Protein backbone atom coordinates (compact mmCIF):
# COMPACT_ATOMS: atom_id res chain seq x y z
CA MET A 1 -0.19 -0.17 -0.18
CA THR A 2 3.03 2.11 -0.10
CA ARG A 3 3.20 5.10 -3.01
CA LYS A 4 6.19 3.69 -5.30
CA ARG A 5 8.75 6.83 -5.43
CA THR A 6 10.12 8.47 -8.51
CA GLY A 7 13.34 6.85 -8.12
CA GLU A 8 15.03 9.39 -6.00
CA HIS A 9 18.92 7.85 -5.47
CA ILE A 10 19.78 6.94 -1.96
CA LEU A 11 23.47 6.24 -0.47
CA VAL A 12 23.91 4.03 2.57
CA LEU A 13 26.83 3.88 4.85
CA ASP A 14 27.11 1.31 7.15
CA ASP A 15 29.56 -1.22 8.47
CA VAL A 16 27.05 -4.09 8.93
CA ALA A 17 26.47 -5.91 5.97
CA ASP A 18 23.18 -7.71 6.78
CA LEU A 19 22.20 -4.02 7.50
CA LEU A 20 23.46 -3.02 4.07
CA ASP A 21 21.31 -5.86 2.70
CA LEU A 22 18.21 -4.80 4.68
CA PHE A 23 18.64 -1.09 3.79
CA LYS A 24 18.76 -2.30 0.16
CA GLU A 25 15.81 -4.45 0.14
CA MET A 26 13.13 -2.05 1.90
CA LEU A 27 14.23 0.96 0.20
CA GLU A 28 14.26 -0.53 -3.05
CA ASN A 29 10.61 -1.63 -2.26
CA GLU A 30 9.55 1.71 -1.60
CA GLY A 31 11.06 2.62 -5.48
CA TYR A 32 14.17 4.26 -4.42
CA ARG A 33 17.58 3.52 -6.33
CA VAL A 34 19.96 2.17 -3.68
CA THR A 35 23.77 2.50 -3.67
CA LEU A 36 25.44 0.56 -0.69
CA GLY A 37 29.10 1.26 1.23
CA SER A 38 31.34 1.49 3.96
CA MET A 39 33.89 3.23 5.62
CA VAL A 40 37.41 2.51 7.43
CA GLU A 41 39.72 4.68 9.54
CA GLY A 42 42.09 6.89 7.30
CA GLU A 43 39.82 6.45 4.07
CA LEU A 44 37.53 9.58 4.88
CA GLY A 45 38.84 11.26 1.95
CA ARG A 46 38.50 8.83 -0.47
CA THR A 47 34.88 8.07 1.18
CA LEU A 48 33.99 12.12 0.82
CA ASP A 49 35.17 11.85 -2.84
CA GLU A 50 33.12 8.92 -3.64
CA VAL A 51 29.84 10.70 -2.07
CA LYS A 52 30.90 13.20 -4.17
CA ALA A 53 31.42 11.22 -7.51
CA VAL A 54 28.06 9.10 -6.57
CA MET A 55 26.02 12.54 -5.30
CA PRO A 56 23.06 10.61 -4.18
CA ASP A 57 19.62 12.81 -3.67
CA VAL A 58 19.92 11.27 0.52
CA LEU A 59 22.61 10.07 2.19
CA ILE A 60 21.89 7.47 5.03
CA LEU A 61 25.03 7.19 7.25
CA ASP A 62 25.65 5.44 10.55
CA PHE A 63 27.68 7.29 13.67
CA LEU A 64 30.15 4.11 14.36
CA PHE A 65 31.99 2.30 12.35
CA GLY A 66 33.58 -0.52 14.43
CA ASN A 67 34.18 2.02 17.66
CA ASP A 68 35.38 4.90 15.44
CA PRO A 69 32.81 8.04 14.77
CA LEU A 70 33.56 8.07 10.92
CA GLY A 71 30.13 8.97 10.47
CA TRP A 72 30.33 11.62 12.47
CA GLN A 73 33.71 12.81 11.17
CA LEU A 74 32.34 12.45 7.43
CA LEU A 75 29.37 14.45 8.34
CA GLN A 76 31.46 17.54 9.16
CA LEU A 77 33.62 16.82 6.14
CA LEU A 78 30.60 16.78 4.33
CA ARG A 79 29.28 20.16 5.44
CA MET A 80 32.22 21.77 4.89
CA ASP A 81 32.52 21.04 1.20
CA PRO A 82 30.86 23.49 -0.74
CA ALA A 83 29.71 20.59 -3.12
CA THR A 84 27.87 18.83 -0.50
CA ALA A 85 27.18 21.21 2.17
CA GLY A 86 23.12 20.76 1.47
CA LEU A 87 23.36 16.87 0.72
CA PRO A 88 20.33 15.64 2.73
CA VAL A 89 21.98 13.27 5.90
CA VAL A 90 19.89 11.05 7.83
CA VAL A 91 22.04 9.59 10.71
CA CYS A 92 20.91 6.01 11.17
CA SER A 93 22.46 4.59 14.39
CA GLY A 94 22.58 2.83 17.18
CA ALA A 95 25.14 4.71 18.94
CA VAL A 96 22.36 6.66 21.27
CA ASP A 97 24.45 8.16 23.77
CA HIS A 98 26.39 9.88 21.10
CA VAL A 99 23.51 11.12 19.30
CA VAL A 100 22.16 12.79 22.13
CA GLU A 101 25.54 14.43 23.20
CA LEU A 102 25.51 15.62 19.53
CA SER A 103 22.30 16.46 18.98
CA ALA A 104 21.97 20.40 18.95
CA GLN A 105 25.29 20.20 16.52
CA LEU A 106 23.22 17.27 14.12
CA GLY A 107 20.17 19.41 14.02
CA ALA A 108 22.51 22.65 12.99
CA MET A 109 23.70 20.78 10.28
CA ALA A 110 20.08 19.86 9.46
CA ALA A 111 20.62 16.14 9.65
CA GLY A 112 17.70 13.59 10.32
CA VAL A 113 18.18 11.14 13.21
CA VAL A 114 16.65 7.70 13.38
CA ILE A 115 17.85 5.55 16.25
CA LYS A 116 18.78 1.48 15.59
CA PRO A 117 16.98 -0.79 16.06
CA PHE A 118 14.42 1.47 14.19
CA ASP A 119 10.99 0.99 12.70
CA VAL A 120 10.89 1.23 8.69
CA ASP A 121 8.15 3.39 8.82
CA VAL A 122 10.12 5.82 10.94
CA LEU A 123 13.14 5.88 8.37
CA LEU A 124 10.79 6.14 5.44
CA VAL A 125 9.37 9.25 7.07
CA GLU A 126 12.69 10.57 7.96
CA VAL A 127 14.17 10.03 4.47
CA ARG A 128 11.01 11.95 2.70
CA ARG A 129 11.30 14.85 5.49
CA VAL A 130 15.29 15.41 4.55
CA LEU A 131 14.32 15.13 0.79
CA ASP A 132 11.56 17.43 0.64
CA ARG A 133 13.12 19.92 2.93
CA SER A 134 16.04 20.11 0.77
CA LYS A 135 13.87 20.44 -2.19
CA ALA A 136 11.81 23.36 -0.44
CA GLU A 137 15.13 25.11 0.29
CA SER A 138 16.60 24.62 -3.07
CA ALA A 139 13.20 26.19 -4.65
CA ARG A 140 13.58 29.05 -2.73
CA LEU A 141 17.31 29.79 -3.87
CA PRO A 142 17.15 32.42 -6.47
CA GLU A 143 18.64 31.46 -9.67
CA PRO A 144 21.98 32.51 -10.91
CA PRO A 145 21.72 35.54 -13.53
CA ARG A 146 21.78 34.43 -17.10
CA THR A 147 24.66 35.31 -19.41
CA ASP A 148 24.22 36.27 -23.03
CA ALA A 149 25.36 34.64 -25.72
CA ALA A 150 28.65 36.07 -25.62
CA GLY A 151 29.27 34.80 -22.34
CA ALA A 152 30.72 38.04 -20.71
CA GLY A 153 29.09 37.00 -17.54
CA GLU A 154 26.41 39.79 -17.81
CA PRO A 155 23.11 39.29 -17.50
CA ALA A 156 21.43 38.95 -20.18
CA GLU A 157 19.42 41.54 -21.59
CA THR A 158 15.17 40.81 -21.53
CA ASP A 159 13.01 41.63 -24.05
CA GLU A 160 11.52 44.07 -21.27
CA ALA A 161 14.86 45.71 -20.79
CA ARG A 162 15.45 45.84 -25.21
CA GLY A 163 11.98 47.54 -25.20
CA ALA A 164 10.17 44.84 -26.75
CA GLY A 165 6.36 44.98 -26.69
CA ARG A 166 6.73 49.05 -26.67
CA THR A 167 4.21 50.63 -29.36
């Protein structure tokens, strides 16, 4: 009875293979395209580059990889990089103490949060919420000025500016 999505792309980063399989199945059943991955310490730069190459519509990110807060570190890198600063992120973690401790920062970073173990519907609602918020914010951004055919960087002349329609 769930409405199929329009094929938005979700990247899931987690260190538990069985959970990755579960994410893939449940999200694909909802009509999302899904890419799975993990991280290891010392490879955050590579992971950031991979996220930028994939550029998903949403990133679902575990907080701890092993005992290391690699998800938190990656989220900070994502928010500092202009290419990924606005990427919708849902932190999905069982590290409740860490998530509570950093809740103000997570909120400031516009990251959704889902605590493991989670109800599937709770995760799906949070994914939809961060997607919708991102789309709403994008719709409010002003469009960059158009340039003329010469590409001189000046705003394109409009019909109104040229006097079109004057009698």
